Amino acid sequence: MTTEEFLVHALSRRKMTVTTVESCTGGMIAAMLTSVPGSSEVFKRGFVTYCDEAKHEMVGVRRETLEKYTAVSPQTAREMAEGGAREAGADCCLSVTGYAGPDSGGGEMVGLVYIGCFCNGETQVEEHHFAGDRAGIRAQAAERALNILKEKLE
C-alpha cells in the first residue's frame, strides 16, 4: 500500500478531511492524494500558493510574517498549514515551501524546504535539506509531507 493510499483509507475510517497548501511542490501532494480511488471523501481542496501574494490572499499568511521571515521559513510553513485547514474547513493540512532550484533567486540554499502539518489542532513544522535536481527535491518534499501525516495518523 502506498503512503497516499494509507492516508486516504486512514482519514476515511476516522471521518477526517485533508487539504494542501503547496508552494515549491506546485500541487504534487494534491495530485498524489487524489490519484487514490475514494479520495473525494477526504480531500477538501488544494491551494497552490506559489507567490507571496497567493500565500497571503488564499490562506491568510500574514504580510508581516512574509516580510520578516520570508516565504521560505518555518513561520510561513506554520501559517500556511493552519490557514489552509481553516480556509478549507479541513481536519488536517499539509504545507510545503522551499527552494527547489536550480537556484533560489537570492543566494539561499537550494533544497531547503519547510513542511508544515496541521492535524487535530496541533501544528508541526520540519526543516529539510534535500539534495538533487529540481524534480528530485520536489518529489522528496512531497513524499516527506505525506509521511509526516501518516506518522500522525498511525
C-alpha atoms as a PDB file:
ATOM      1  CA  MET A   1       0.000   0.000   0.000  1.00  0.00           C
ATOM      2  CA  THR A   2       1.369   3.425  -0.940  1.00  0.00           C
ATOM      3  CA  THR A   3       1.562   6.234   1.584  1.00  0.00           C
ATOM      4  CA  GLU A   4      -1.221   8.120  -0.172  1.00  0.00           C
ATOM      5  CA  GLU A   5      -3.445   5.018  -0.172  1.00  0.00           C
ATOM      6  CA  PHE A   6      -2.798   4.590   3.550  1.00  0.00           C
ATOM      7  CA  LEU A   7      -3.741   8.237   4.164  1.00  0.00           C
ATOM      8  CA  VAL A   8      -6.971   8.128   2.175  1.00  0.00           C
ATOM      9  CA  HIS A   9      -8.074   4.953   3.959  1.00  0.00           C
ATOM     10  CA  ALA A  10      -6.995   6.155   7.417  1.00  0.00           C
ATOM     11  CA  LEU A  11      -8.688   9.527   7.011  1.00  0.00           C
ATOM     12  CA  SER A  12     -11.844   7.884   5.667  1.00  0.00           C
ATOM     13  CA  ARG A  13     -12.024   5.467   8.615  1.00  0.00           C
ATOM     14  CA  ARG A  14     -11.650   8.389  11.023  1.00  0.00           C
ATOM     15  CA  LYS A  15     -14.123  10.549   9.065  1.00  0.00           C
ATOM     16  CA  MET A  16     -11.437  13.219   8.736  1.00  0.00           C
ATOM     17  CA  THR A  17     -10.510  15.519   5.878  1.00  0.00           C
ATOM     18  CA  VAL A  18      -7.275  16.922   4.484  1.00  0.00           C
ATOM     19  CA  THR A  19      -6.224  19.864   2.355  1.00  0.00           C
ATOM     20  CA  THR A  20      -2.880  21.001   0.977  1.00  0.00           C
ATOM     21  CA  VAL A  21      -1.116  24.352   0.645  1.00  0.00           C
ATOM     22  CA  GLU A  22       1.822  23.988  -1.709  1.00  0.00           C
ATOM     23  CA  SER A  23       4.460  26.333  -2.984  1.00  0.00           C
ATOM     24  CA  CYS A  24       7.563  24.625  -4.412  1.00  0.00           C
ATOM     25  CA  THR A  25       5.725  21.317  -4.954  1.00  0.00           C
ATOM     26  CA  GLY A  26       3.139  23.082  -7.109  1.00  0.00           C
ATOM     27  CA  GLY A  27       0.247  20.709  -6.433  1.00  0.00           C
ATOM     28  CA  MET A  28       2.176  17.423  -6.413  1.00  0.00           C
ATOM     29  CA  ILE A  29       0.864  16.390  -2.992  1.00  0.00           C
ATOM     30  CA  ALA A  30      -2.724  17.081  -4.022  1.00  0.00           C
ATOM     31  CA  ALA A  31      -2.172  15.070  -7.207  1.00  0.00           C
ATOM     32  CA  MET A  32      -0.739  12.148  -5.247  1.00  0.00           C
ATOM     33  CA  LEU A  33      -3.648  12.096  -2.810  1.00  0.00           C
ATOM     34  CA  THR A  34      -6.318  12.461  -5.470  1.00  0.00           C
ATOM     35  CA  SER A  35      -4.823   9.635  -7.531  1.00  0.00           C
ATOM     36  CA  VAL A  36      -6.293   7.244  -4.943  1.00  0.00           C
ATOM     37  CA  PRO A  37      -9.843   5.998  -5.578  1.00  0.00           C
ATOM     38  CA  GLY A  38     -12.133   7.270  -2.829  1.00  0.00           C
ATOM     39  CA  SER A  39     -10.039  10.352  -2.145  1.00  0.00           C
ATOM     40  CA  SER A  40     -13.054  12.582  -2.839  1.00  0.00           C
ATOM     41  CA  GLU A  41     -14.389  11.523   0.581  1.00  0.00           C
ATOM     42  CA  VAL A  42     -11.402  13.011   2.406  1.00  0.00           C
ATOM     43  CA  PHE A  43      -9.685  15.585   0.170  1.00  0.00           C
ATOM     44  CA  LYS A  44     -11.198  19.061   0.571  1.00  0.00           C
ATOM     45  CA  ARG A  45      -9.050  21.153  -1.782  1.00  0.00           C
ATOM     46  CA  GLY A  46      -5.527  22.010  -2.766  1.00  0.00           C
ATOM     47  CA  PHE A  47      -4.116  25.510  -2.711  1.00  0.00           C
ATOM     48  CA  VAL A  48      -1.103  26.266  -4.907  1.00  0.00           C
ATOM     49  CA  THR A  49       0.353  29.388  -3.330  1.00  0.00           C
ATOM     50  CA  TYR A  50       3.472  29.852  -5.405  1.00  0.00           C
ATOM     51  CA  CYS A  51       3.916  33.572  -4.788  1.00  0.00           C
ATOM     52  CA  ASP A  52       3.801  35.567  -1.553  1.00  0.00           C
ATOM     53  CA  GLU A  53       0.570  37.300  -2.538  1.00  0.00           C
ATOM     54  CA  ALA A  54      -1.180  33.944  -3.009  1.00  0.00           C
ATOM     55  CA  LYS A  55       0.014  32.781   0.411  1.00  0.00           C
ATOM     56  CA  HIS A  56      -1.498  35.906   1.936  1.00  0.00           C
ATOM     57  CA  GLU A  57      -4.730  36.089  -0.085  1.00  0.00           C
ATOM     58  CA  MET A  58      -5.647  32.396  -0.214  1.00  0.00           C
ATOM     59  CA  VAL A  59      -4.668  31.096   3.223  1.00  0.00           C
ATOM     60  CA  GLY A  60      -4.023  34.182   5.315  1.00  0.00           C
ATOM     61  CA  VAL A  61      -0.255  34.120   5.779  1.00  0.00           C
ATOM     62  CA  ARG A  62       0.413  37.483   7.400  1.00  0.00           C
ATOM     63  CA  ARG A  63       2.301  40.041   5.333  1.00  0.00           C
ATOM     64  CA  GLU A  64       4.427  40.724   8.423  1.00  0.00           C
ATOM     65  CA  THR A  65       5.490  37.063   8.501  1.00  0.00           C
ATOM     66  CA  LEU A  66       6.461  37.125   4.837  1.00  0.00           C
ATOM     67  CA  GLU A  67       8.401  40.385   5.234  1.00  0.00           C
ATOM     68  CA  LYS A  68      10.193  39.451   8.461  1.00  0.00           C
ATOM     69  CA  TYR A  69      10.910  35.756   7.859  1.00  0.00           C
ATOM     70  CA  THR A  70      10.412  35.331   4.045  1.00  0.00           C
ATOM     71  CA  ALA A  71       8.218  32.814   2.255  1.00  0.00           C
ATOM     72  CA  VAL A  72      10.699  30.009   2.948  1.00  0.00           C
ATOM     73  CA  SER A  73      10.614  29.852   6.727  1.00  0.00           C
ATOM     74  CA  PRO A  74       9.148  27.710   9.481  1.00  0.00           C
ATOM     75  CA  GLN A  75       6.851  30.590  10.410  1.00  0.00           C
ATOM     76  CA  THR A  76       5.388  30.737   6.906  1.00  0.00           C
ATOM     77  CA  ALA A  77       5.013  26.940   6.689  1.00  0.00           C
ATOM     78  CA  ARG A  78       3.105  27.007  10.005  1.00  0.00           C
ATOM     79  CA  GLU A  79       0.756  29.782   8.869  1.00  0.00           C
ATOM     80  CA  MET A  80       0.214  28.010   5.537  1.00  0.00           C
ATOM     81  CA  ALA A  81      -0.787  24.763   7.278  1.00  0.00           C
ATOM     82  CA  GLU A  82      -3.051  26.419   9.811  1.00  0.00           C
ATOM     83  CA  GLY A  83      -4.571  28.825   7.280  1.00  0.00           C
ATOM     84  CA  GLY A  84      -5.211  26.080   4.742  1.00  0.00           C
ATOM     85  CA  ALA A  85      -7.086  23.978   7.285  1.00  0.00           C
ATOM     86  CA  ARG A  86      -9.094  26.999   8.377  1.00  0.00           C
ATOM     87  CA  GLU A  87      -9.981  28.161   4.855  1.00  0.00           C
ATOM     88  CA  ALA A  88     -10.913  24.650   3.659  1.00  0.00           C
ATOM     89  CA  GLY A  89     -12.632  23.590   6.870  1.00  0.00           C
ATOM     90  CA  ALA A  90     -10.356  20.536   6.962  1.00  0.00           C
ATOM     91  CA  ASP A  91      -9.136  18.467   9.913  1.00  0.00           C
ATOM     92  CA  CYS A  92      -5.598  18.245   8.516  1.00  0.00           C
ATOM     93  CA  CYS A  93      -3.439  20.307   6.221  1.00  0.00           C
ATOM     94  CA  LEU A  94      -0.014  19.762   4.691  1.00  0.00           C
ATOM     95  CA  SER A  95       2.040  22.764   3.614  1.00  0.00           C
ATOM     96  CA  VAL A  96       5.318  22.961   1.722  1.00  0.00           C
ATOM     97  CA  THR A  97       7.527  25.953   0.994  1.00  0.00           C
ATOM     98  CA  GLY A  98      11.128  25.886  -0.169  1.00  0.00           C
ATOM     99  CA  TYR A  99      13.795  26.309  -2.810  1.00  0.00           C
ATOM    100  CA  ALA A 100      13.645  23.547  -5.418  1.00  0.00           C
ATOM    101  CA  GLY A 101      16.252  25.040  -7.753  1.00  0.00           C
ATOM    102  CA  PRO A 102      18.084  25.262  -9.972  1.00  0.00           C
ATOM    103  CA  ASP A 103      18.737  28.378  -7.876  1.00  0.00           C
ATOM    104  CA  SER A 104      16.915  30.144  -5.073  1.00  0.00           C
ATOM    105  CA  GLY A 105      16.869  33.581  -6.635  1.00  0.00           C
ATOM    106  CA  GLY A 106      18.623  35.163  -3.689  1.00  0.00           C
ATOM    107  CA  GLY A 107      21.605  33.047  -2.761  1.00  0.00           C
ATOM    108  CA  GLU A 108      19.719  30.825  -0.322  1.00  0.00           C
ATOM    109  CA  MET A 109      20.393  27.111  -0.152  1.00  0.00           C
ATOM    110  CA  VAL A 110      18.710  25.086  -2.892  1.00  0.00           C
ATOM    111  CA  GLY A 111      16.980  22.110  -1.300  1.00  0.00           C
ATOM    112  CA  LEU A 112      15.925  23.998   1.828  1.00  0.00           C
ATOM    113  CA  VAL A 113      12.279  23.054   2.389  1.00  0.00           C
ATOM    114  CA  TYR A 114       9.895  23.597   5.297  1.00  0.00           C
ATOM    115  CA  ILE A 115       6.981  21.206   5.644  1.00  0.00           C
ATOM    116  CA  GLY A 116       4.045  22.007   7.892  1.00  0.00           C
ATOM    117  CA  CYS A 117       1.442  19.570   9.129  1.00  0.00           C
ATOM    118  CA  PHE A 118      -1.679  20.706  10.950  1.00  0.00           C
ATOM    119  CA  CYS A 119      -3.790  17.883  12.353  1.00  0.00           C
ATOM    120  CA  ASN A 120      -6.220  17.655  15.262  1.00  0.00           C
ATOM    121  CA  GLY A 121      -5.465  21.204  16.376  1.00  0.00           C
ATOM    122  CA  GLU A 122      -1.683  20.748  16.502  1.00  0.00           C
ATOM    123  CA  THR A 123       0.928  22.004  14.050  1.00  0.00           C
ATOM    124  CA  GLN A 124       4.423  20.716  13.497  1.00  0.00           C
ATOM    125  CA  VAL A 125       6.994  22.088  11.080  1.00  0.00           C
ATOM    126  CA  GLU A 126      10.067  20.260   9.817  1.00  0.00           C
ATOM    127  CA  GLU A 127      13.134  21.734   8.134  1.00  0.00           C
ATOM    128  CA  HIS A 128      14.719  19.633   5.398  1.00  0.00           C
ATOM    129  CA  HIS A 129      17.779  19.929   3.178  1.00  0.00           C
ATOM    130  CA  PHE A 130      17.023  17.768   0.160  1.00  0.00           C
ATOM    131  CA  ALA A 131      19.648  17.011  -2.467  1.00  0.00           C
ATOM    132  CA  GLY A 132      19.262  16.571  -6.200  1.00  0.00           C
ATOM    133  CA  ASP A 133      17.800  18.416  -9.131  1.00  0.00           C
ATOM    134  CA  ARG A 134      14.559  20.386  -9.121  1.00  0.00           C
ATOM    135  CA  ALA A 135      12.360  17.372  -9.844  1.00  0.00           C
ATOM    136  CA  GLY A 136      14.101  15.302  -7.187  1.00  0.00           C
ATOM    137  CA  ILE A 137      13.792  17.962  -4.496  1.00  0.00           C
ATOM    138  CA  ARG A 138      10.114  18.454  -5.253  1.00  0.00           C
ATOM    139  CA  ALA A 139       9.440  14.693  -5.176  1.00  0.00           C
ATOM    140  CA  GLN A 140      11.296  14.269  -1.874  1.00  0.00           C
ATOM    141  CA  ALA A 141       9.371  17.150  -0.326  1.00  0.00           C
ATOM    142  CA  ALA A 142       6.003  15.754  -1.438  1.00  0.00           C
ATOM    143  CA  GLU A 143       6.848  12.265  -0.182  1.00  0.00           C
ATOM    144  CA  ARG A 144       8.066  13.540   3.192  1.00  0.00           C
ATOM    145  CA  ALA A 145       4.939  15.657   3.632  1.00  0.00           C
ATOM    146  CA  LEU A 146       2.719  12.619   3.095  1.00  0.00           C
ATOM    147  CA  ASN A 147       4.822  10.617   5.539  1.00  0.00           C
ATOM    148  CA  ILE A 148       4.544  13.274   8.243  1.00  0.00           C
ATOM    149  CA  LEU A 149       0.760  12.993   8.116  1.00  0.00           C
ATOM    150  CA  LYS A 150       0.989   9.201   8.021  1.00  0.00           C
ATOM    151  CA  GLU A 151       3.083   9.252  11.197  1.00  0.00           C
ATOM    152  CA  LYS A 152       0.458  11.433  12.881  1.00  0.00           C
ATOM    153  CA  LEU A 153      -2.320   9.011  11.979  1.00  0.00           C
ATOM    154  CA  GLU A 154      -0.534   5.736  12.805  1.00  0.00           C
END
